[in-house]
Amino acid sequence: MNKKSSAGTGTYSIIFGVAFVWFTTHFGGGFASGAQIYSYYVRFGIWCLIMPALAMLYNGIFFAYGMRFARKHEVYDYRSYNNAFYGKFAPVFSNLFEVLYICVMCVAPAVAFATGGATLSTLTGLPYLLCTLIIGIFIFIVAIFGTDLVRRVASVLSICIIAGLLIVYIPNIIHGWSAIRATAQQMTTSTQPFGKALYSAFLYGTFQLANIAVFVQHAKVFKKPGDAVKSMGLGFLINALMMTMVCLGIMTVSTSPDMAGTSVPTLLMVQKGIGKGFMTPLISILIILGAVSTAVNMVAAMVKRVSDGLKKRILSGKNDVSDGTPKAETPDINTRKRISSREIIIALICCLIDFGIAQFGLLTLIQKAYSFLAYLAIPVILVPYIIHMIVTRMDSK
């Protein structure tokens, strides 16, 4: 009885842990600053109250399908997963996915560097360049320890972020409720057409689809494939509720004349709300944590992919001996050291590239680069996944 109870507890812990990986990956610099939510939802009017849930439901279905496939077929690095998923079309689509994911690796962590660096610079008065360097060093150190540590950090970090967001947003939403009602009334008369709002939410959800590369590595910890559906269902609730809360918070200042000149709507909300002295540093810390969490997950996924590919090539070369007899893999200390060194070098290269791209600025990356990623993801992920769901009858055939 105790063993069964313990197993059930472990299963729920895993389900929650992976759900939090989704949230911490999603809750990046653009989300934390409020610029992403404003750009894709609030500026389209009253539809911002329902579109976040639709976008997250869209994401949840695709993520659950991919993670269930990964666990069922036991393919956990995204190259092996793509080769299995795309089947005979893998030579084309697996390589296209590589191009897409390289673009994601250049954009999403770069947004994290830009947001974290700018926020840290505002708090401390240190130069932006130095602050982005500090953020990058922290991301680099965490990423090289592998996905298990990333998952443990994600769970703790998510709880801290959610608690902090509730502390900041709920009082400001209550305090600004009259402003929210006035904004909602104004939105009903001057709101954007439903089609534009839906298309913006579609773009938001579509550029998030590339995160499947991050999630498939975590499918290995599920007890059974069906746990992926439960985990992503929980992740949908967390993400949709938090996004809606952020929308309500931004609505307290979305009609303010200062809104046009700000790149961080969340800070504007706090500065015009209550508890400015306490909440300004708190939300700044949350923005930094959110930015770092996204970059860590992205860099860790790329490190695992490249490192696993290099390891397979090295082991394949060792097994090719003259008498045709494959040698057994020898887990000696030197081999471990070489693999660890490669992981460190890969992570360092990723961080240096992202650091350089971050210098283009936060708003440019959010407004232009994310939409570009969405257009790339349509032929590489969206269309093939829909076809796969139909042809294989949701991977049951």
Protein backbone atom coordinates (compact mmCIF):
# COMPACT_ATOMS: atom_id res chain seq x y z
CA MET A 1 0.00 0.00 0.00
CA ASN A 2 2.79 2.39 0.92
CA LYS A 3 4.71 1.49 -2.23
CA LYS A 4 1.65 2.20 -4.37
CA SER A 5 1.06 5.51 -2.64
CA SER A 6 4.72 6.44 -3.06
CA ALA A 7 4.59 5.58 -6.77
CA GLY A 8 1.49 7.74 -7.20
CA THR A 9 3.16 10.63 -5.43
CA GLY A 10 6.21 10.29 -7.68
CA THR A 11 4.01 10.29 -10.79
CA TYR A 12 2.21 13.47 -9.76
CA SER A 13 5.52 15.11 -8.89
CA ILE A 14 6.80 14.36 -12.39
CA ILE A 15 3.58 15.62 -14.00
CA PHE A 16 3.80 18.87 -12.05
CA GLY A 17 7.53 19.20 -12.74
CA VAL A 18 7.20 18.93 -16.51
CA ALA A 19 4.17 21.26 -16.49
CA PHE A 20 6.34 23.82 -14.74
CA VAL A 21 9.02 23.32 -17.40
CA TRP A 22 6.45 24.55 -19.92
CA PHE A 23 5.61 27.57 -17.78
CA THR A 24 9.23 28.57 -17.13
CA THR A 25 10.08 28.11 -20.81
CA HIS A 26 7.05 30.20 -21.83
CA PHE A 27 7.59 32.81 -19.10
CA GLY A 28 10.52 34.50 -20.73
CA GLY A 29 11.72 38.04 -21.09
CA GLY A 30 8.92 39.17 -23.39
CA PHE A 31 6.24 37.69 -21.13
CA ALA A 32 7.79 39.02 -17.92
CA SER A 33 8.16 42.56 -19.25
CA GLY A 34 4.55 42.60 -20.45
CA ALA A 35 5.66 43.73 -23.91
CA GLN A 36 4.84 40.35 -25.45
CA ILE A 37 1.36 40.16 -23.91
CA TYR A 38 0.57 43.74 -24.89
CA SER A 39 1.84 43.31 -28.46
CA TYR A 40 -0.05 40.09 -29.21
CA TYR A 41 -3.20 40.50 -27.08
CA VAL A 42 -4.05 43.70 -25.21
CA ARG A 43 -3.69 46.05 -28.16
CA PHE A 44 -6.38 44.06 -30.01
CA GLY A 45 -9.02 45.04 -27.51
CA ILE A 46 -11.48 43.08 -25.41
CA TRP A 47 -10.53 39.84 -27.15
CA CYS A 48 -7.43 39.79 -24.93
CA LEU A 49 -9.56 38.19 -22.21
CA ILE A 50 -10.10 34.96 -24.19
CA MET A 51 -7.28 34.76 -26.74
CA PRO A 52 -4.53 33.70 -24.27
CA ALA A 53 -6.54 30.60 -23.29
CA LEU A 54 -7.13 29.71 -26.96
CA ALA A 55 -3.43 30.07 -27.77
CA MET A 56 -2.41 27.90 -24.80
CA LEU A 57 -5.02 25.25 -25.65
CA TYR A 58 -3.56 25.17 -29.16
CA ASN A 59 -0.05 24.76 -27.72
CA GLY A 60 -1.14 22.21 -25.12
CA ILE A 61 -2.61 19.87 -27.74
CA PHE A 62 0.55 19.91 -29.85
CA PHE A 63 2.93 19.60 -26.89
CA ALA A 64 0.96 16.72 -25.36
CA TYR A 65 0.90 14.93 -28.72
CA GLY A 66 4.63 15.34 -29.21
CA MET A 67 5.62 14.31 -25.67
CA ARG A 68 3.26 11.32 -25.76
CA PHE A 69 4.90 10.24 -29.03
CA ALA A 70 8.39 10.70 -27.55
CA ARG A 71 7.58 8.57 -24.48
CA LYS A 72 5.74 5.90 -26.47
CA HIS A 73 8.57 5.49 -28.99
CA GLU A 74 11.40 6.28 -26.54
CA VAL A 75 13.04 9.07 -28.53
CA TYR A 76 14.23 11.86 -26.25
CA ASP A 77 16.64 14.13 -28.07
CA TYR A 78 14.83 16.19 -30.67
CA ARG A 79 16.81 14.87 -33.65
CA SER A 80 15.95 11.25 -32.86
CA TYR A 81 12.39 12.33 -32.11
CA ASN A 82 12.04 14.16 -35.43
CA ASN A 83 13.50 11.23 -37.38
CA ALA A 84 10.91 8.93 -35.82
CA PHE A 85 8.04 11.41 -36.09
CA TYR A 86 8.53 12.51 -39.71
CA GLY A 87 9.32 8.96 -40.87
CA LYS A 88 10.24 8.69 -44.53
CA PHE A 89 10.08 12.49 -44.82
CA ALA A 90 12.67 12.91 -42.06
CA PRO A 91 15.60 13.74 -44.41
CA VAL A 92 13.70 16.89 -45.37
CA PHE A 93 11.75 17.89 -42.27
CA SER A 94 14.31 16.94 -39.63
CA ASN A 95 16.82 19.23 -41.31
CA LEU A 96 14.23 21.99 -41.72
CA PHE A 97 13.48 21.68 -38.01
CA GLU A 98 17.18 22.10 -37.28
CA VAL A 99 17.13 25.40 -39.20
CA LEU A 100 14.01 26.52 -37.32
CA TYR A 101 15.43 25.58 -33.95
CA ILE A 102 18.71 27.35 -34.65
CA CYS A 103 16.64 30.48 -35.33
CA VAL A 104 14.77 29.95 -32.06
CA MET A 105 18.06 29.48 -30.24
CA CYS A 106 19.21 32.80 -31.63
CA VAL A 107 16.04 34.72 -30.73
CA ALA A 108 14.46 33.43 -27.49
CA PRO A 109 17.58 33.39 -25.29
CA ALA A 110 18.67 36.69 -26.85
CA VAL A 111 15.39 38.21 -25.64
CA ALA A 112 16.21 36.79 -22.21
CA PHE A 113 19.65 38.39 -22.24
CA ALA A 114 18.18 41.74 -23.35
CA THR A 115 15.35 41.75 -20.80
CA GLY A 116 17.42 40.50 -17.88
CA GLY A 117 20.29 42.83 -18.67
CA ALA A 118 18.11 45.91 -19.05
CA THR A 119 16.20 45.19 -15.84
CA LEU A 120 19.36 44.50 -13.84
CA SER A 121 20.91 47.68 -15.20
CA THR A 122 17.86 49.69 -14.07
CA LEU A 123 18.01 48.20 -10.59
CA THR A 124 21.76 48.54 -10.01
CA GLY A 125 22.81 51.38 -12.30
CA LEU A 126 25.51 49.16 -13.83
CA PRO A 127 26.18 49.35 -17.60
CA TYR A 128 23.81 47.32 -19.79
CA LEU A 129 26.70 45.42 -21.39
CA LEU A 130 28.01 44.27 -17.99
CA CYS A 131 24.53 43.28 -16.82
CA THR A 132 23.86 41.14 -19.90
CA LEU A 133 27.25 39.51 -19.29
CA ILE A 134 26.27 38.68 -15.67
CA ILE A 135 22.95 37.20 -16.84
CA GLY A 136 24.77 35.18 -19.50
CA ILE A 137 27.26 33.73 -17.01
CA PHE A 138 24.44 32.54 -14.75
CA ILE A 139 22.58 30.96 -17.69
CA PHE A 140 25.78 29.25 -18.84
CA ILE A 141 26.52 27.75 -15.39
CA VAL A 142 23.01 26.33 -14.93
CA ALA A 143 22.67 25.01 -18.49
CA ILE A 144 25.82 22.84 -18.42
CA PHE A 145 24.51 20.69 -15.57
CA GLY A 146 21.91 18.98 -17.76
CA THR A 147 18.16 18.57 -18.00
CA ASP A 148 17.61 16.96 -14.58
CA LEU A 149 18.89 20.04 -12.78
CA VAL A 150 16.98 22.29 -15.17
CA ARG A 151 13.76 20.45 -14.31
CA ARG A 152 14.36 20.74 -10.55
CA VAL A 153 15.18 24.44 -10.90
CA ALA A 154 12.07 24.89 -13.05
CA SER A 155 9.75 23.55 -10.35
CA VAL A 156 11.15 25.77 -7.59
CA LEU A 157 11.50 28.75 -9.91
CA SER A 158 7.92 28.41 -11.16
CA ILE A 159 6.51 28.45 -7.64
CA CYS A 160 8.54 31.56 -6.80
CA ILE A 161 7.52 33.30 -10.02
CA ILE A 162 3.82 32.45 -9.65
CA ALA A 163 3.79 33.57 -6.01
CA GLY A 164 5.58 36.80 -6.89
CA LEU A 165 3.27 37.54 -9.82
CA LEU A 166 0.23 37.01 -7.61
CA ILE A 167 1.68 39.39 -5.00
CA VAL A 168 2.32 42.06 -7.64
CA TYR A 169 -0.69 41.68 -9.93
CA ILE A 170 -3.64 40.89 -7.64
CA PRO A 171 -3.34 44.05 -5.50
CA ASN A 172 -2.82 46.19 -8.59
CA ILE A 173 -5.76 44.58 -10.39
CA ILE A 174 -7.99 45.17 -7.35
CA HIS A 175 -6.71 48.73 -6.96
CA GLY A 176 -7.15 49.44 -10.67
CA TRP A 177 -10.45 47.59 -11.16
CA SER A 178 -12.28 50.79 -12.06
CA ALA A 179 -9.61 51.51 -14.67
CA ILE A 180 -9.98 47.96 -16.03
CA ARG A 181 -13.75 48.41 -16.35
CA ALA A 182 -13.31 51.75 -18.09
CA THR A 183 -10.74 50.23 -20.43
CA ALA A 184 -13.02 47.26 -21.16
CA GLN A 185 -15.90 49.60 -22.02
CA GLN A 186 -13.64 51.60 -24.29
CA MET A 187 -12.36 48.40 -25.90
CA THR A 188 -15.88 47.22 -26.75
CA THR A 189 -16.42 50.31 -28.89
CA SER A 190 -12.96 50.58 -30.46
CA THR A 191 -11.71 46.99 -30.38
CA GLN A 192 -9.91 45.36 -33.30
CA PRO A 193 -11.85 42.84 -35.45
CA PHE A 194 -12.05 39.30 -34.07
CA GLY A 195 -10.13 37.95 -37.06
CA LYS A 196 -7.10 40.14 -36.38
CA ALA A 197 -7.08 39.22 -32.69
CA LEU A 198 -7.39 35.52 -33.52
CA TYR A 199 -4.60 35.73 -36.08
CA SER A 200 -2.32 37.47 -33.58
CA ALA A 201 -3.02 34.73 -31.02
CA PHE A 202 -2.38 32.14 -33.74
CA LEU A 203 1.04 33.67 -34.47
CA TYR A 204 1.83 33.73 -30.76
CA GLY A 205 0.95 30.06 -30.35
CA THR A 206 2.72 29.06 -33.55
CA PHE A 207 6.12 30.52 -32.71
CA GLN A 208 5.84 28.72 -29.36
CA LEU A 209 5.54 25.35 -31.18
CA ALA A 210 9.30 25.17 -31.65
CA ASN A 211 9.52 24.57 -27.88
CA ILE A 212 8.65 20.94 -28.58
CA ALA A 213 12.41 20.52 -29.00
CA VAL A 214 12.78 21.51 -25.34
CA PHE A 215 9.98 19.29 -24.04
CA VAL A 216 10.66 15.91 -25.68
CA GLN A 217 13.80 15.40 -23.57
CA HIS A 218 11.65 15.58 -20.42
CA ALA A 219 9.20 12.93 -21.71
CA LYS A 220 11.66 10.27 -20.55
CA VAL A 221 10.66 10.77 -16.89
CA PHE A 222 6.98 9.94 -17.47
CA LYS A 223 5.81 6.57 -16.12
CA LYS A 224 3.60 6.07 -19.18
CA PRO A 225 2.80 8.02 -22.38
CA GLY A 226 -0.58 9.16 -21.07
CA ASP A 227 1.15 11.20 -18.34
CA ALA A 228 2.17 13.67 -21.05
CA VAL A 229 -1.49 14.59 -21.62
CA LYS A 230 -2.07 15.16 -17.89
CA SER A 231 1.09 17.24 -17.58
CA MET A 232 0.28 19.45 -20.54
CA GLY A 233 -3.32 19.81 -19.34
CA LEU A 234 -1.99 21.20 -16.07
CA GLY A 235 0.47 23.36 -17.98
CA PHE A 236 -2.41 24.79 -20.06
CA LEU A 237 -4.26 25.88 -16.91
CA ILE A 238 -1.18 27.50 -15.37
CA ASN A 239 -0.17 29.37 -18.51
CA ALA A 240 -3.68 30.49 -19.51
CA LEU A 241 -4.54 31.80 -16.03
CA MET A 242 -1.25 33.66 -15.63
CA MET A 243 -1.52 35.22 -19.11
CA THR A 244 -5.09 36.40 -18.43
CA MET A 245 -3.97 37.91 -15.14
CA VAL A 246 -1.17 39.80 -16.90
CA CYS A 247 -3.66 41.06 -19.50
CA LEU A 248 -5.90 42.43 -16.72
CA GLY A 249 -2.92 44.09 -15.06
CA ILE A 250 -1.80 45.78 -18.27
CA MET A 251 -5.37 46.96 -18.90
CA THR A 252 -5.00 49.23 -15.85
CA VAL A 253 -2.50 51.35 -17.82
CA SER A 254 -3.12 50.42 -21.48
CA THR A 255 -4.95 53.71 -22.12
CA SER A 256 -2.34 55.80 -20.31
CA PRO A 257 -0.42 58.35 -22.46
CA ASP A 258 2.81 56.88 -21.04
CA MET A 259 2.02 53.49 -22.60
CA ALA A 260 3.25 54.52 -26.04
CA GLY A 261 6.74 55.29 -24.77
CA THR A 262 7.35 52.27 -22.55
CA SER A 263 8.97 48.96 -23.48
CA VAL A 264 8.14 47.34 -20.14
CA PRO A 265 4.36 47.67 -19.50
CA THR A 266 4.59 45.63 -16.30
CA LEU A 267 6.87 48.20 -14.67
CA LEU A 268 4.52 50.99 -15.78
CA MET A 269 1.62 49.17 -14.11
CA VAL A 270 3.54 48.91 -10.84
CA GLN A 271 4.74 52.52 -10.94
CA LYS A 272 1.18 53.78 -11.42
CA GLY A 273 -0.33 51.28 -8.98
CA ILE A 274 0.12 50.63 -5.28
CA GLY A 275 3.20 49.65 -3.30
CA LYS A 276 5.61 51.19 -5.79
CA GLY A 277 8.57 51.13 -3.39
CA PHE A 278 8.19 47.42 -2.65
CA MET A 279 6.78 46.10 -5.91
CA THR A 280 9.16 47.78 -8.34
CA PRO A 281 12.22 45.76 -7.19
CA LEU A 282 10.05 42.63 -6.76
CA ILE A 283 8.69 42.69 -10.31
CA SER A 284 12.18 43.50 -11.60
CA ILE A 285 13.52 40.35 -9.93
CA LEU A 286 10.64 38.33 -11.42
CA ILE A 287 11.44 39.68 -14.88
CA ILE A 288 15.06 38.58 -14.49
CA LEU A 289 14.04 35.12 -13.21
CA GLY A 290 11.58 34.67 -16.07
CA ALA A 291 14.15 35.71 -18.65
CA VAL A 292 16.80 33.39 -17.22
CA SER A 293 14.43 30.38 -17.02
CA THR A 294 13.66 30.51 -20.75
CA ALA A 295 17.30 30.80 -21.77
CA VAL A 296 18.37 27.95 -19.48
CA ASN A 297 15.82 25.54 -20.97
CA MET A 298 16.70 26.52 -24.54
CA VAL A 299 20.46 26.26 -24.07
CA ALA A 300 20.17 22.95 -22.20
CA ALA A 301 18.16 21.43 -25.06
CA MET A 302 20.72 22.49 -27.65
CA VAL A 303 23.61 21.21 -25.52
CA LYS A 304 21.94 17.82 -25.19
CA ARG A 305 21.20 17.60 -28.92
CA VAL A 306 24.71 18.49 -30.10
CA SER A 307 26.48 16.54 -27.36
CA ASP A 308 24.45 13.37 -28.00
CA GLY A 309 25.14 13.64 -31.72
CA LEU A 310 28.89 13.97 -31.18
CA LYS A 311 28.89 11.12 -28.66
CA LYS A 312 27.18 8.77 -31.12
CA ARG A 313 29.73 9.58 -33.80
CA ILE A 314 32.67 8.95 -31.46
CA LEU A 315 31.27 5.65 -30.20
CA SER A 316 30.45 4.58 -33.76
CA GLY A 317 34.06 5.23 -34.76
CA LYS A 318 35.38 3.21 -31.81
CA ASN A 319 33.18 0.24 -32.71
CA ASP A 320 34.44 0.08 -36.30
CA VAL A 321 37.36 -2.33 -35.85
CA SER A 322 39.24 -4.34 -38.46
CA ASP A 323 37.79 -7.78 -37.57
CA GLY A 324 34.22 -6.51 -37.78
CA THR A 325 33.55 -7.20 -34.12
CA PRO A 326 32.04 -4.23 -32.27
CA LYS A 327 33.76 -3.32 -29.06
CA ALA A 328 31.77 -2.85 -25.89
CA GLU A 329 31.36 0.72 -24.75
CA THR A 330 33.87 1.48 -22.00
CA PRO A 331 32.58 4.05 -19.53
CA ASP A 332 36.05 5.15 -18.47
CA ILE A 333 36.78 8.40 -16.69
CA ASN A 334 38.51 9.99 -19.67
CA THR A 335 35.45 9.51 -21.92
CA ARG A 336 33.25 11.20 -19.34
CA LYS A 337 35.66 14.14 -19.14
CA ARG A 338 35.69 14.62 -22.91
CA ILE A 339 31.89 14.59 -23.10
CA SER A 340 31.65 17.07 -20.21
CA SER A 341 34.16 19.36 -21.90
CA ARG A 342 32.18 19.31 -25.14
CA GLU A 343 28.99 20.21 -23.27
CA ILE A 344 30.73 23.17 -21.67
CA ILE A 345 32.08 24.40 -25.01
CA ILE A 346 28.68 24.00 -26.73
CA ALA A 347 26.90 25.91 -23.96
CA LEU A 348 29.54 28.64 -24.08
CA ILE A 349 29.16 29.07 -27.85
CA CYS A 350 25.36 29.27 -27.54
CA CYS A 351 25.58 31.89 -24.81
CA LEU A 352 28.09 34.02 -26.71
CA ILE A 353 25.89 34.06 -29.83
CA ASP A 354 22.79 34.97 -27.82
CA PHE A 355 24.72 37.70 -25.99
CA GLY A 356 25.65 39.28 -29.32
CA ILE A 357 22.14 39.18 -30.76
CA ALA A 358 20.70 40.72 -27.57
CA GLN A 359 22.44 43.97 -28.44
CA PHE A 360 19.81 44.63 -31.15
CA GLY A 361 17.25 45.46 -28.43
CA LEU A 362 14.21 43.90 -26.78
CA LEU A 363 11.38 45.46 -28.78
CA THR A 364 12.90 44.65 -32.16
CA LEU A 365 13.31 41.00 -31.20
CA ILE A 366 9.74 40.68 -29.86
CA GLN A 367 7.92 42.52 -32.63
CA LYS A 368 9.83 41.27 -35.65
CA ALA A 369 11.76 38.11 -34.85
CA TYR A 370 8.96 36.20 -33.07
CA SER A 371 6.53 36.66 -35.97
CA PHE A 372 9.26 35.46 -38.34
CA LEU A 373 9.61 32.29 -36.24
CA ALA A 374 5.86 31.70 -36.46
CA TYR A 375 5.94 31.81 -40.27
CA LEU A 376 8.84 29.35 -40.29
CA ALA A 377 7.00 26.97 -37.93
CA ILE A 378 3.85 26.71 -40.10
CA PRO A 379 5.34 24.45 -42.83
CA VAL A 380 7.84 22.70 -40.53
CA ILE A 381 5.65 21.88 -37.50
CA LEU A 382 2.00 22.95 -37.80
CA VAL A 383 1.08 21.39 -41.14
CA PRO A 384 3.08 18.11 -40.74
CA TYR A 385 1.69 17.57 -37.22
CA ILE A 386 -1.91 17.98 -38.37
CA ILE A 387 -1.28 15.54 -41.22
CA HIS A 388 0.39 13.10 -38.78
CA MET A 389 -2.59 13.29 -36.40
CA ILE A 390 -5.02 12.52 -39.23
CA VAL A 391 -3.03 9.80 -41.01
CA THR A 392 -2.01 7.91 -37.86
CA ARG A 393 -5.32 8.56 -36.07
CA MET A 394 -3.60 10.40 -33.22
CA ASP A 395 -0.67 7.92 -33.23
CA SER A 396 -2.95 4.93 -32.67
CA LYS A 397 -2.43 3.43 -36.13
